[in-house]
Amino acid sequence: MAGRKNQNAELRKPEILEGYYRVLIEEGLEGTSIGKIASHLGIHPSLILHYFKNKENLRLALIELMIGKFKSQHLLTFDHIEDDAERFTALINMIFSYKWSRTVDPGVHFGFYYQSFRDANVAVLFREMFQWLRNYLYDEFLIFNSKGIIQVNDVRKAADFIVTLMEGLEFHAQFLGHDKPFAEFAETAKQSALAVLKNKLI
């Protein structure tokens, strides 16, 4: 019986988290409640509390799900590309793409980003997410640097720079883009990144 309950929990929890995510997109952090999540999913609110105990656990579980989306292997798997230069190009194209920028809805992403300034648990999870991305790029850049695909003096600083540039794209799209296509300024940012990475500017 316990095994069946655990199996049911493993099936229902992702469904509830996905419902929470969808309600957040529609209602924002301020307008989201367990009642609205339950209504969206067509379940009783007590079922959400049964699996997550309280709203805080639910929120932290969703942030962990967001981190999982950023780590999604199908977006950052380039092992099928044998040529090193082509593999580097594929990586850069992906991380500066609209597809990557919408890995998580920006309204949800920055809503939790705001909370990270006031909630230590959220801050820890966000730090983990950005450090994971920085470390992933660091490992990749080490390889590309050793093979002459890029030329940087400080690989860790280069990875920090690229993560910061990637995050800035969303701020530009929201506040400075004037309804222009995301890809337009993303291409400018990507070319700036390539100039830095290929010319020992960092």
N, C-alpha and C. Protein backbone atom coordinates (compact mmCIF):
# COMPACT_ATOMS: atom_id res chain seq x y z
N MET A 1 0.83 -1.21 0.00
CA MET A 1 0.00 0.00 0.00
C MET A 1 0.86 1.26 0.00
N ALA A 2 1.92 1.24 0.84
CA ALA A 2 2.82 2.40 0.90
C ALA A 2 3.48 2.64 -0.44
N GLY A 3 3.84 1.55 -1.12
CA GLY A 3 4.47 1.68 -2.43
C GLY A 3 3.54 2.32 -3.43
N ARG A 4 2.27 1.96 -3.37
CA ARG A 4 1.28 2.55 -4.28
C ARG A 4 1.09 4.03 -4.00
N LYS A 5 1.07 4.41 -2.70
CA LYS A 5 0.94 5.82 -2.34
C LYS A 5 2.12 6.63 -2.86
N ASN A 6 3.31 6.07 -2.71
CA ASN A 6 4.50 6.77 -3.20
C ASN A 6 4.46 6.93 -4.70
N GLN A 7 3.97 5.88 -5.38
CA GLN A 7 3.86 5.94 -6.84
C GLN A 7 2.85 7.01 -7.25
N ASN A 8 1.72 7.08 -6.54
CA ASN A 8 0.72 8.09 -6.85
C ASN A 8 1.27 9.49 -6.63
N ALA A 9 2.06 9.66 -5.56
CA ALA A 9 2.65 10.97 -5.28
C ALA A 9 3.60 11.38 -6.39
N GLU A 10 4.39 10.43 -6.86
CA GLU A 10 5.34 10.74 -7.92
C GLU A 10 4.63 11.14 -9.20
N LEU A 11 3.43 10.60 -9.41
CA LEU A 11 2.65 10.95 -10.60
C LEU A 11 1.92 12.27 -10.43
N ARG A 12 1.38 12.52 -9.24
CA ARG A 12 0.55 13.70 -9.03
C ARG A 12 1.36 14.97 -8.79
N LYS A 13 2.49 14.85 -8.12
CA LYS A 13 3.27 16.05 -7.79
C LYS A 13 3.68 16.84 -9.04
N PRO A 14 4.26 16.20 -10.07
CA PRO A 14 4.60 16.97 -11.28
C PRO A 14 3.38 17.62 -11.93
N GLU A 15 2.25 16.93 -11.89
CA GLU A 15 1.01 17.47 -12.46
C GLU A 15 0.58 18.73 -11.70
N ILE A 16 0.67 18.68 -10.38
CA ILE A 16 0.29 19.83 -9.55
C ILE A 16 1.25 20.99 -9.78
N LEU A 17 2.54 20.69 -9.87
CA LEU A 17 3.54 21.74 -10.09
C LEU A 17 3.35 22.40 -11.45
N GLU A 18 3.02 21.60 -12.45
CA GLU A 18 2.77 22.17 -13.78
C GLU A 18 1.53 23.06 -13.76
N GLY A 19 0.52 22.64 -13.00
CA GLY A 19 -0.67 23.47 -12.86
C GLY A 19 -0.35 24.77 -12.14
N TYR A 20 0.46 24.70 -11.11
CA TYR A 20 0.91 25.89 -10.38
C TYR A 20 1.64 26.84 -11.32
N TYR A 21 2.50 26.28 -12.14
CA TYR A 21 3.27 27.08 -13.11
C TYR A 21 2.34 27.81 -14.07
N ARG A 22 1.32 27.10 -14.57
CA ARG A 22 0.38 27.70 -15.53
C ARG A 22 -0.44 28.82 -14.88
N VAL A 23 -0.84 28.61 -13.65
CA VAL A 23 -1.60 29.65 -12.95
C VAL A 23 -0.71 30.87 -12.69
N LEU A 24 0.55 30.64 -12.35
CA LEU A 24 1.48 31.76 -12.15
C LEU A 24 1.62 32.59 -13.42
N ILE A 25 1.69 31.94 -14.57
CA ILE A 25 1.79 32.66 -15.84
C ILE A 25 0.57 33.54 -16.04
N GLU A 26 -0.59 33.01 -15.71
CA GLU A 26 -1.85 33.74 -15.93
C GLU A 26 -2.12 34.80 -14.87
N GLU A 27 -1.81 34.49 -13.61
CA GLU A 27 -2.23 35.34 -12.49
C GLU A 27 -1.10 36.12 -11.83
N GLY A 28 0.15 35.69 -12.05
CA GLY A 28 1.26 36.31 -11.34
C GLY A 28 1.37 35.79 -9.92
N LEU A 29 2.48 36.11 -9.25
CA LEU A 29 2.69 35.63 -7.89
C LEU A 29 1.61 36.11 -6.93
N GLU A 30 1.22 37.39 -7.08
CA GLU A 30 0.27 37.97 -6.14
C GLU A 30 -1.12 37.37 -6.29
N GLY A 31 -1.47 36.97 -7.50
CA GLY A 31 -2.82 36.49 -7.75
C GLY A 31 -2.99 34.99 -7.66
N THR A 32 -1.91 34.29 -7.35
CA THR A 32 -1.96 32.82 -7.32
C THR A 32 -2.26 32.32 -5.91
N SER A 33 -3.14 31.35 -5.82
CA SER A 33 -3.47 30.73 -4.54
C SER A 33 -3.63 29.23 -4.74
N ILE A 34 -3.59 28.51 -3.65
CA ILE A 34 -3.80 27.06 -3.74
C ILE A 34 -5.19 26.77 -4.29
N GLY A 35 -6.16 27.61 -3.94
CA GLY A 35 -7.51 27.43 -4.47
C GLY A 35 -7.56 27.56 -5.98
N LYS A 36 -6.85 28.55 -6.53
CA LYS A 36 -6.83 28.74 -7.98
C LYS A 36 -6.09 27.61 -8.68
N ILE A 37 -5.03 27.13 -8.06
CA ILE A 37 -4.30 26.00 -8.64
C ILE A 37 -5.20 24.78 -8.69
N ALA A 38 -5.90 24.53 -7.59
CA ALA A 38 -6.81 23.39 -7.52
C ALA A 38 -7.92 23.51 -8.56
N SER A 39 -8.47 24.72 -8.70
CA SER A 39 -9.53 24.95 -9.69
C SER A 39 -9.02 24.70 -11.10
N HIS A 40 -7.81 25.15 -11.38
CA HIS A 40 -7.21 24.95 -12.70
C HIS A 40 -7.05 23.47 -13.01
N LEU A 41 -6.71 22.69 -11.98
CA LEU A 41 -6.46 21.26 -12.17
C LEU A 41 -7.72 20.42 -12.01
N GLY A 42 -8.79 21.04 -11.48
CA GLY A 42 -10.02 20.29 -11.25
C GLY A 42 -9.90 19.32 -10.09
N ILE A 43 -9.16 19.71 -9.05
CA ILE A 43 -8.99 18.86 -7.87
C ILE A 43 -9.34 19.68 -6.63
N HIS A 44 -9.43 19.01 -5.49
CA HIS A 44 -9.71 19.70 -4.23
C HIS A 44 -8.41 20.28 -3.66
N PRO A 45 -8.46 21.48 -3.09
CA PRO A 45 -7.25 22.09 -2.52
C PRO A 45 -6.54 21.20 -1.50
N SER A 46 -7.32 20.38 -0.79
CA SER A 46 -6.72 19.52 0.24
C SER A 46 -5.73 18.52 -0.36
N LEU A 47 -5.95 18.16 -1.64
CA LEU A 47 -5.03 17.22 -2.28
C LEU A 47 -3.65 17.85 -2.47
N ILE A 48 -3.62 19.14 -2.80
CA ILE A 48 -2.34 19.85 -2.93
C ILE A 48 -1.64 19.89 -1.59
N LEU A 49 -2.39 20.20 -0.53
CA LEU A 49 -1.80 20.25 0.81
C LEU A 49 -1.38 18.86 1.27
N HIS A 50 -2.08 17.84 0.82
CA HIS A 50 -1.71 16.47 1.17
C HIS A 50 -0.31 16.14 0.65
N TYR A 51 -0.01 16.57 -0.57
CA TYR A 51 1.28 16.24 -1.17
C TYR A 51 2.40 17.20 -0.77
N PHE A 52 2.07 18.47 -0.56
CA PHE A 52 3.12 19.47 -0.31
C PHE A 52 3.09 20.08 1.09
N LYS A 53 2.04 19.80 1.86
CA LYS A 53 1.89 20.24 3.26
C LYS A 53 1.58 21.72 3.41
N ASN A 54 2.28 22.58 2.66
CA ASN A 54 2.01 24.02 2.75
C ASN A 54 2.47 24.72 1.47
N LYS A 55 2.10 26.00 1.34
CA LYS A 55 2.40 26.75 0.12
C LYS A 55 3.90 26.97 -0.06
N GLU A 56 4.63 27.08 1.06
CA GLU A 56 6.07 27.28 0.98
C GLU A 56 6.76 26.09 0.32
N ASN A 57 6.39 24.88 0.73
CA ASN A 57 6.96 23.69 0.11
C ASN A 57 6.60 23.61 -1.36
N LEU A 58 5.38 24.00 -1.68
CA LEU A 58 4.93 23.99 -3.07
C LEU A 58 5.77 24.96 -3.90
N ARG A 59 6.00 26.14 -3.36
CA ARG A 59 6.78 27.15 -4.07
C ARG A 59 8.22 26.69 -4.30
N LEU A 60 8.85 26.14 -3.28
CA LEU A 60 10.23 25.69 -3.42
C LEU A 60 10.33 24.52 -4.39
N ALA A 61 9.32 23.66 -4.39
CA ALA A 61 9.32 22.53 -5.33
C ALA A 61 9.22 23.03 -6.77
N LEU A 62 8.43 24.09 -6.98
CA LEU A 62 8.32 24.64 -8.34
C LEU A 62 9.64 25.26 -8.78
N ILE A 63 10.32 25.95 -7.88
CA ILE A 63 11.61 26.54 -8.25
C ILE A 63 12.60 25.44 -8.61
N GLU A 64 12.58 24.34 -7.88
CA GLU A 64 13.44 23.22 -8.21
C GLU A 64 13.08 22.65 -9.59
N LEU A 65 11.79 22.65 -9.91
CA LEU A 65 11.36 22.21 -11.25
C LEU A 65 11.89 23.16 -12.32
N MET A 66 11.87 24.47 -12.04
CA MET A 66 12.43 25.45 -12.96
C MET A 66 13.91 25.19 -13.21
N ILE A 67 14.63 24.90 -12.14
CA ILE A 67 16.06 24.60 -12.29
C ILE A 67 16.24 23.37 -13.17
N GLY A 68 15.36 22.40 -12.98
CA GLY A 68 15.42 21.21 -13.82
C GLY A 68 15.20 21.53 -15.29
N LYS A 69 14.32 22.50 -15.57
CA LYS A 69 14.08 22.90 -16.95
C LYS A 69 15.34 23.53 -17.55
N PHE A 70 16.05 24.35 -16.74
CA PHE A 70 17.28 24.97 -17.22
C PHE A 70 18.35 23.92 -17.50
N LYS A 71 18.32 22.84 -16.75
CA LYS A 71 19.32 21.79 -16.92
C LYS A 71 18.91 20.76 -17.97
N SER A 72 17.79 21.00 -18.62
CA SER A 72 17.24 20.04 -19.57
C SER A 72 18.27 19.60 -20.60
N GLN A 73 18.51 18.32 -20.65
CA GLN A 73 19.56 17.79 -21.52
C GLN A 73 19.25 17.97 -23.00
N HIS A 74 17.96 18.00 -23.36
CA HIS A 74 17.66 18.09 -24.79
C HIS A 74 18.03 19.46 -25.37
N LEU A 75 18.20 20.48 -24.50
CA LEU A 75 18.59 21.80 -25.00
C LEU A 75 20.10 21.95 -25.10
N LEU A 76 20.82 21.27 -24.22
CA LEU A 76 22.26 21.48 -24.14
C LEU A 76 23.06 20.21 -24.43
N THR A 77 22.56 19.40 -25.32
CA THR A 77 23.28 18.20 -25.73
C THR A 77 23.79 18.37 -27.15
N PHE A 78 25.11 18.42 -27.27
CA PHE A 78 25.72 18.63 -28.59
C PHE A 78 26.73 17.54 -28.92
N ASP A 79 26.65 16.42 -28.20
CA ASP A 79 27.62 15.35 -28.39
C ASP A 79 27.54 14.74 -29.78
N HIS A 80 26.41 14.90 -30.44
CA HIS A 80 26.25 14.34 -31.78
C HIS A 80 27.02 15.14 -32.83
N ILE A 81 27.51 16.33 -32.43
CA ILE A 81 28.27 17.18 -33.36
C ILE A 81 29.75 16.90 -33.15
N GLU A 82 30.40 16.34 -34.13
CA GLU A 82 31.80 15.92 -33.97
C GLU A 82 32.77 17.08 -34.12
N ASP A 83 32.49 18.01 -35.01
CA ASP A 83 33.40 19.12 -35.24
C ASP A 83 33.33 20.12 -34.08
N ASP A 84 34.48 20.44 -33.50
CA ASP A 84 34.51 21.31 -32.32
C ASP A 84 33.97 22.71 -32.60
N ALA A 85 34.34 23.28 -33.73
CA ALA A 85 33.88 24.63 -34.07
C ALA A 85 32.37 24.65 -34.27
N GLU A 86 31.83 23.62 -34.90
CA GLU A 86 30.38 23.54 -35.10
C GLU A 86 29.66 23.34 -33.77
N ARG A 87 30.26 22.58 -32.88
CA ARG A 87 29.68 22.35 -31.56
C ARG A 87 29.62 23.65 -30.77
N PHE A 88 30.69 24.43 -30.84
CA PHE A 88 30.72 25.73 -30.16
C PHE A 88 29.64 26.65 -30.73
N THR A 89 29.52 26.68 -32.04
CA THR A 89 28.50 27.53 -32.69
C THR A 89 27.10 27.12 -32.26
N ALA A 90 26.86 25.81 -32.19
CA ALA A 90 25.54 25.31 -31.78
C ALA A 90 25.23 25.73 -30.34
N LEU A 91 26.23 25.67 -29.47
CA LEU A 91 26.04 26.07 -28.08
C LEU A 91 25.69 27.55 -27.98
N ILE A 92 26.47 28.39 -28.65
CA ILE A 92 26.24 29.84 -28.59
C ILE A 92 24.88 30.19 -29.19
N ASN A 93 24.55 29.56 -30.31
CA ASN A 93 23.24 29.83 -30.93
C ASN A 93 22.10 29.48 -29.98
N MET A 94 22.25 28.38 -29.24
CA MET A 94 21.19 27.96 -28.33
C MET A 94 21.03 28.92 -27.16
N ILE A 95 22.13 29.27 -26.50
CA ILE A 95 21.99 30.06 -25.27
C ILE A 95 21.59 31.51 -25.54
N PHE A 96 21.72 31.95 -26.79
CA PHE A 96 21.25 33.30 -27.14
C PHE A 96 19.96 33.25 -27.96
N SER A 97 19.25 32.14 -27.89
CA SER A 97 18.03 31.98 -28.69
C SER A 97 16.78 32.30 -27.87
N TYR A 98 15.71 32.61 -28.59
CA TYR A 98 14.41 32.83 -27.95
C TYR A 98 13.95 31.55 -27.25
N LYS A 99 14.24 30.41 -27.85
CA LYS A 99 13.86 29.12 -27.27
C LYS A 99 14.47 28.96 -25.88
N TRP A 100 15.76 29.28 -25.76
CA TRP A 100 16.40 29.17 -24.45
C TRP A 100 15.81 30.19 -23.48
N SER A 101 15.58 31.41 -23.94
CA SER A 101 15.07 32.46 -23.05
C SER A 101 13.69 32.13 -22.51
N ARG A 102 12.97 31.25 -23.20
CA ARG A 102 11.63 30.86 -22.75
C ARG A 102 11.64 29.46 -22.15
N THR A 103 12.80 29.01 -21.70
CA THR A 103 12.86 27.74 -20.97
C THR A 103 11.88 27.80 -19.80
N VAL A 104 11.85 28.95 -19.14
CA VAL A 104 10.87 29.25 -18.10
C VAL A 104 10.25 30.60 -18.44
N ASP A 105 8.94 30.73 -18.25
CA ASP A 105 8.27 32.00 -18.53
C ASP A 105 8.98 33.13 -17.77
N PRO A 106 9.34 34.23 -18.45
CA PRO A 106 10.10 35.29 -17.78
C PRO A 106 9.36 35.94 -16.61
N GLY A 107 8.03 36.01 -16.69
CA GLY A 107 7.28 36.57 -15.57
C GLY A 107 7.42 35.73 -14.31
N VAL A 108 7.41 34.41 -14.48
CA VAL A 108 7.60 33.50 -13.35
C VAL A 108 9.05 33.58 -12.86
N HIS A 109 9.97 33.55 -13.80
CA HIS A 109 11.40 33.59 -13.47
C HIS A 109 11.74 34.82 -12.65
N PHE A 110 11.33 35.99 -13.11
CA PHE A 110 11.70 37.21 -12.42
C PHE A 110 10.84 37.47 -11.18
N GLY A 111 9.66 36.85 -11.13
CA GLY A 111 8.88 36.92 -9.90
C GLY A 111 9.61 36.24 -8.75
N PHE A 112 10.13 35.05 -9.03
CA PHE A 112 10.90 34.34 -8.01
C PHE A 112 12.27 35.00 -7.80
N TYR A 113 12.81 35.59 -8.85
CA TYR A 113 14.08 36.32 -8.72
C TYR A 113 13.92 37.44 -7.70
N TYR A 114 12.81 38.16 -7.77
CA TYR A 114 12.52 39.22 -6.79
C TYR A 114 12.46 38.64 -5.38
N GLN A 115 11.79 37.50 -5.24
CA GLN A 115 11.66 36.90 -3.92
C GLN A 115 13.00 36.45 -3.35
N SER A 116 13.96 36.17 -4.22
CA SER A 116 15.27 35.70 -3.75
C SER A 116 15.99 36.75 -2.91
N PHE A 117 15.60 38.02 -3.05
CA PHE A 117 16.21 39.07 -2.24
C PHE A 117 15.68 39.07 -0.81
N ARG A 118 14.53 38.44 -0.59
CA ARG A 118 13.88 38.47 0.71
C ARG A 118 13.74 37.10 1.35
N ASP A 119 14.00 36.07 0.59
CA ASP A 119 13.81 34.70 1.09
C ASP A 119 15.10 33.92 0.88
N ALA A 120 15.74 33.52 1.96
CA ALA A 120 17.03 32.84 1.88
C ALA A 120 16.93 31.52 1.14
N ASN A 121 15.81 30.80 1.31
CA ASN A 121 15.66 29.51 0.63
C ASN A 121 15.58 29.68 -0.88
N VAL A 122 14.86 30.70 -1.32
CA VAL A 122 14.77 30.98 -2.75
C VAL A 122 16.12 31.43 -3.28
N ALA A 123 16.82 32.25 -2.50
CA ALA A 123 18.15 32.74 -2.91
C ALA A 123 19.11 31.58 -3.12
N VAL A 124 19.07 30.60 -2.23
CA VAL A 124 19.95 29.43 -2.36
C VAL A 124 19.67 28.68 -3.66
N LEU A 125 18.39 28.49 -3.97
CA LEU A 125 18.02 27.76 -5.19
C LEU A 125 18.41 28.53 -6.45
N PHE A 126 18.20 29.85 -6.44
CA PHE A 126 18.59 30.65 -7.60
C PHE A 126 20.10 30.66 -7.77
N ARG A 127 20.82 30.75 -6.67
CA ARG A 127 22.28 30.72 -6.75
C ARG A 127 22.74 29.39 -7.34
N GLU A 128 22.09 28.32 -6.92
CA GLU A 128 22.42 26.99 -7.45
C GLU A 128 22.20 26.95 -8.97
N MET A 129 21.07 27.53 -9.41
CA MET A 129 20.74 27.51 -10.83
C MET A 129 21.77 28.27 -11.66
N PHE A 130 22.12 29.48 -11.22
CA PHE A 130 23.06 30.28 -12.00
C PHE A 130 24.48 29.73 -11.91
N GLN A 131 24.84 29.17 -10.76
CA GLN A 131 26.16 28.56 -10.65
C GLN A 131 26.26 27.33 -11.52
N TRP A 132 25.15 26.58 -11.60
CA TRP A 132 25.17 25.41 -12.48
C TRP A 132 25.42 25.84 -13.92
N LEU A 133 24.71 26.87 -14.39
CA LEU A 133 24.88 27.34 -15.76
C LEU A 133 26.29 27.88 -15.98
N ARG A 134 26.79 28.66 -15.02
CA ARG A 134 28.14 29.19 -15.13
C ARG A 134 29.16 28.05 -15.20
N ASN A 135 28.99 27.04 -14.35
CA ASN A 135 29.94 25.93 -14.32
C ASN A 135 29.86 25.09 -15.59
N TYR A 136 28.64 24.94 -16.12
CA TYR A 136 28.49 24.22 -17.40
C TYR A 136 29.26 24.94 -18.50
N LEU A 137 29.07 26.26 -18.60
CA LEU A 137 29.79 27.02 -19.63
C LEU A 137 31.29 27.01 -19.37
N TYR A 138 31.68 27.07 -18.12
CA TYR A 138 33.10 27.02 -17.77
C TYR A 138 33.74 25.73 -18.30
N ASP A 139 33.09 24.60 -18.06
CA ASP A 139 33.63 23.32 -18.53
C ASP A 139 33.72 23.28 -20.05
N GLU A 140 32.68 23.79 -20.71
CA GLU A 140 32.68 23.80 -22.17
C GLU A 140 33.76 24.74 -22.71
N PHE A 141 33.88 25.91 -22.10
CA PHE A 141 34.86 26.89 -22.57
C PHE A 141 36.29 26.41 -22.35
N LEU A 142 36.52 25.65 -21.29
CA LEU A 142 37.85 25.07 -21.08
C LEU A 142 38.26 24.22 -22.27
N ILE A 143 37.32 23.42 -22.73
CA ILE A 143 37.60 22.54 -23.88
C ILE A 143 37.83 23.37 -25.14
N PHE A 144 36.93 24.31 -25.40
CA PHE A 144 37.05 25.12 -26.61
C PHE A 144 38.30 25.99 -26.58
N ASN A 145 38.68 26.46 -25.41
CA ASN A 145 39.88 27.29 -25.29
C ASN A 145 41.13 26.46 -25.56
N SER A 146 41.14 25.23 -25.07
CA SER A 146 42.31 24.36 -25.26
C SER A 146 42.49 23.96 -26.72
N LYS A 147 41.39 24.00 -27.49
CA LYS A 147 41.45 23.61 -28.90
C LYS A 147 41.51 24.81 -29.84
N GLY A 148 41.61 26.01 -29.27
CA GLY A 148 41.76 27.20 -30.10
C GLY A 148 40.48 27.70 -30.74
N ILE A 149 39.34 27.15 -30.33
CA ILE A 149 38.06 27.62 -30.88
C ILE A 149 37.75 29.01 -30.33
N ILE A 150 38.08 29.21 -29.05
CA ILE A 150 37.99 30.54 -28.44
C ILE A 150 39.35 30.88 -27.86
N GLN A 151 39.54 32.15 -27.53
CA GLN A 151 40.81 32.59 -26.95
C GLN A 151 40.50 33.53 -25.79
N VAL A 152 40.52 32.97 -24.58
CA VAL A 152 40.25 33.78 -23.39
C VAL A 152 41.37 33.56 -22.38
N ASN A 153 41.63 34.58 -21.59
CA ASN A 153 42.66 34.49 -20.56
C ASN A 153 42.11 33.94 -19.25
N ASP A 154 40.86 34.24 -18.96
CA ASP A 154 40.23 33.81 -17.71
C ASP A 154 38.91 33.13 -18.04
N VAL A 155 38.93 31.80 -18.07
CA VAL A 155 37.76 31.05 -18.52
C VAL A 155 36.57 31.23 -17.57
N ARG A 156 36.82 31.26 -16.27
CA ARG A 156 35.72 31.43 -15.32
C ARG A 156 35.06 32.80 -15.48
N LYS A 157 35.87 33.82 -15.65
CA LYS A 157 35.32 35.16 -15.83
C LYS A 157 34.54 35.24 -17.14
N ALA A 158 35.03 34.54 -18.16
CA ALA A 158 34.32 34.50 -19.44
C ALA A 158 32.94 33.86 -19.27
N ALA A 159 32.88 32.77 -18.50
CA ALA A 159 31.59 32.11 -18.25
C ALA A 159 30.65 33.02 -17.47
N ASP A 160 31.19 33.73 -16.47
CA ASP A 160 30.38 34.70 -15.72
C ASP A 160 29.82 35.78 -16.64
N PHE A 161 30.66 36.26 -17.53
CA PHE A 161 30.26 37.32 -18.46
C PHE A 161 29.12 36.85 -19.36
N ILE A 162 29.23 35.65 -19.89
CA ILE A 162 28.20 35.15 -20.81
C ILE A 162 26.87 34.95 -20.08
N VAL A 163 26.89 34.40 -18.87
CA VAL A 163 25.66 34.23 -18.11
C VAL A 163 25.00 35.59 -17.85
N THR A 164 25.80 36.58 -17.49
CA THR A 164 25.28 37.93 -17.23
C THR A 164 24.68 38.54 -18.50
N LEU A 165 25.34 38.33 -19.62
CA LEU A 165 24.84 38.85 -20.90
C LEU A 165 23.53 38.17 -21.28
N MET A 166 23.45 36.86 -21.06
CA MET A 166 22.23 36.12 -21.35
C MET A 166 21.05 36.65 -20.53
N GLU A 167 21.27 36.86 -19.24
CA GLU A 167 20.20 37.35 -18.38
C GLU A 167 19.75 38.75 -18.79
N GLY A 168 20.69 39.56 -19.23
CA GLY A 168 20.37 40.93 -19.63
C GLY A 168 19.45 41.00 -20.83
N LEU A 169 19.41 39.96 -21.64
CA LEU A 169 18.54 39.95 -22.81
C LEU A 169 17.07 40.10 -22.42
N GLU A 170 16.68 39.46 -21.32
CA GLU A 170 15.29 39.55 -20.89
C GLU A 170 14.94 40.96 -20.42
N PHE A 171 15.88 41.62 -19.74
CA PHE A 171 15.63 43.00 -19.32
C PHE A 171 15.47 43.90 -20.55
N HIS A 172 16.30 43.67 -21.55
CA HIS A 172 16.20 44.47 -22.77
C HIS A 172 14.86 44.24 -23.46
N ALA A 173 14.49 42.97 -23.58
CA ALA A 173 13.23 42.64 -24.26
C ALA A 173 12.03 43.28 -23.54
N GLN A 174 12.07 43.31 -22.22
CA GLN A 174 10.94 43.82 -21.44
C GLN A 174 10.88 45.34 -21.41
N PHE A 175 12.05 45.99 -21.29
CA PHE A 175 12.05 47.42 -21.01
C PHE A 175 12.60 48.30 -22.14
N LEU A 176 13.42 47.75 -23.01
CA LEU A 176 14.08 48.57 -24.03
C LEU A 176 13.82 48.12 -25.45
N GLY A 177 13.18 46.97 -25.61
CA GLY A 177 13.03 46.38 -26.94
C GLY A 177 12.03 47.08 -27.84
N HIS A 178 11.09 47.84 -27.26
CA HIS A 178 10.09 48.57 -28.04
C HIS A 178 9.38 47.66 -29.05
N ASP A 179 9.01 46.47 -28.58
CA ASP A 179 8.25 45.50 -29.38
C ASP A 179 9.01 44.95 -30.58
N LYS A 180 10.32 45.17 -30.63
CA LYS A 180 11.11 44.57 -31.70
C LYS A 180 11.32 43.09 -31.40
N PRO A 181 11.54 42.28 -32.45
CA PRO A 181 11.74 40.85 -32.22
C PRO A 181 12.90 40.58 -31.26
N PHE A 182 12.71 39.60 -30.37
CA PHE A 182 13.75 39.23 -29.41
C PHE A 182 15.06 38.91 -30.12
N ALA A 183 14.96 38.23 -31.26
CA ALA A 183 16.15 37.76 -31.97
C ALA A 183 17.03 38.91 -32.46
N GLU A 184 16.44 40.08 -32.66
CA GLU A 184 17.21 41.19 -33.22
C GLU A 184 18.33 41.63 -32.27
N PHE A 185 17.99 41.91 -31.02
CA PHE A 185 19.02 42.33 -30.07
C PHE A 185 19.83 41.13 -29.58
N ALA A 186 19.20 39.95 -29.56
CA ALA A 186 19.92 38.74 -29.16
C ALA A 186 21.10 38.49 -30.09
N GLU A 187 20.91 38.78 -31.37
CA GLU A 187 22.00 38.61 -32.34
C GLU A 187 23.13 39.59 -32.03
N THR A 188 22.79 40.82 -31.66
CA THR A 188 23.81 41.81 -31.28
C THR A 188 24.58 41.33 -30.05
N ALA A 189 23.85 40.82 -29.06
CA ALA A 189 24.49 40.31 -27.85
C ALA A 189 25.38 39.11 -28.17
N LYS A 190 24.91 38.25 -29.04
CA LYS A 190 25.70 37.07 -29.41
C LYS A 190 26.99 37.47 -30.10
N GLN A 191 26.92 38.42 -31.02
CA GLN A 191 28.12 38.87 -31.71
C GLN A 191 29.10 39.53 -30.74
N SER A 192 28.59 40.24 -29.75
CA SER A 192 29.45 40.83 -28.72
C SER A 192 30.13 39.73 -27.92
N ALA A 193 29.38 38.68 -27.59
CA ALA A 193 29.95 37.55 -26.86
C ALA A 193 31.06 36.88 -27.66
N LEU A 194 30.82 36.68 -28.95
CA LEU A 194 31.82 36.05 -29.80
C LEU A 194 33.08 36.91 -29.89
N ALA A 195 32.91 38.22 -29.98
CA ALA A 195 34.07 39.12 -30.05
C ALA A 195 34.92 39.00 -28.79
N VAL A 196 34.26 38.92 -27.65
CA VAL A 196 34.98 38.79 -26.38
C VAL A 196 35.67 37.43 -26.28
N LEU A 197 34.96 36.38 -26.66
CA LEU A 197 35.49 35.03 -26.50
C LEU A 197 36.61 34.69 -27.48
N LYS A 198 36.60 35.31 -28.63
CA LYS A 198 37.56 34.94 -29.67
C LYS A 198 38.78 35.86 -29.76
N ASN A 199 38.78 36.94 -28.97
CA ASN A 199 39.85 37.93 -29.13
C ASN A 199 40.57 38.28 -27.82
N LYS A 200 40.56 37.36 -26.88
CA LYS A 200 41.28 37.55 -25.61
C LYS A 200 40.91 38.86 -24.92
N LEU A 201 39.63 39.21 -24.97
CA LEU A 201 39.19 40.45 -24.34
C LEU A 201 38.79 40.23 -22.88
N ILE A 202 38.94 39.00 -22.43
CA ILE A 202 38.61 38.71 -21.04
C ILE A 202 39.52 37.61 -20.53
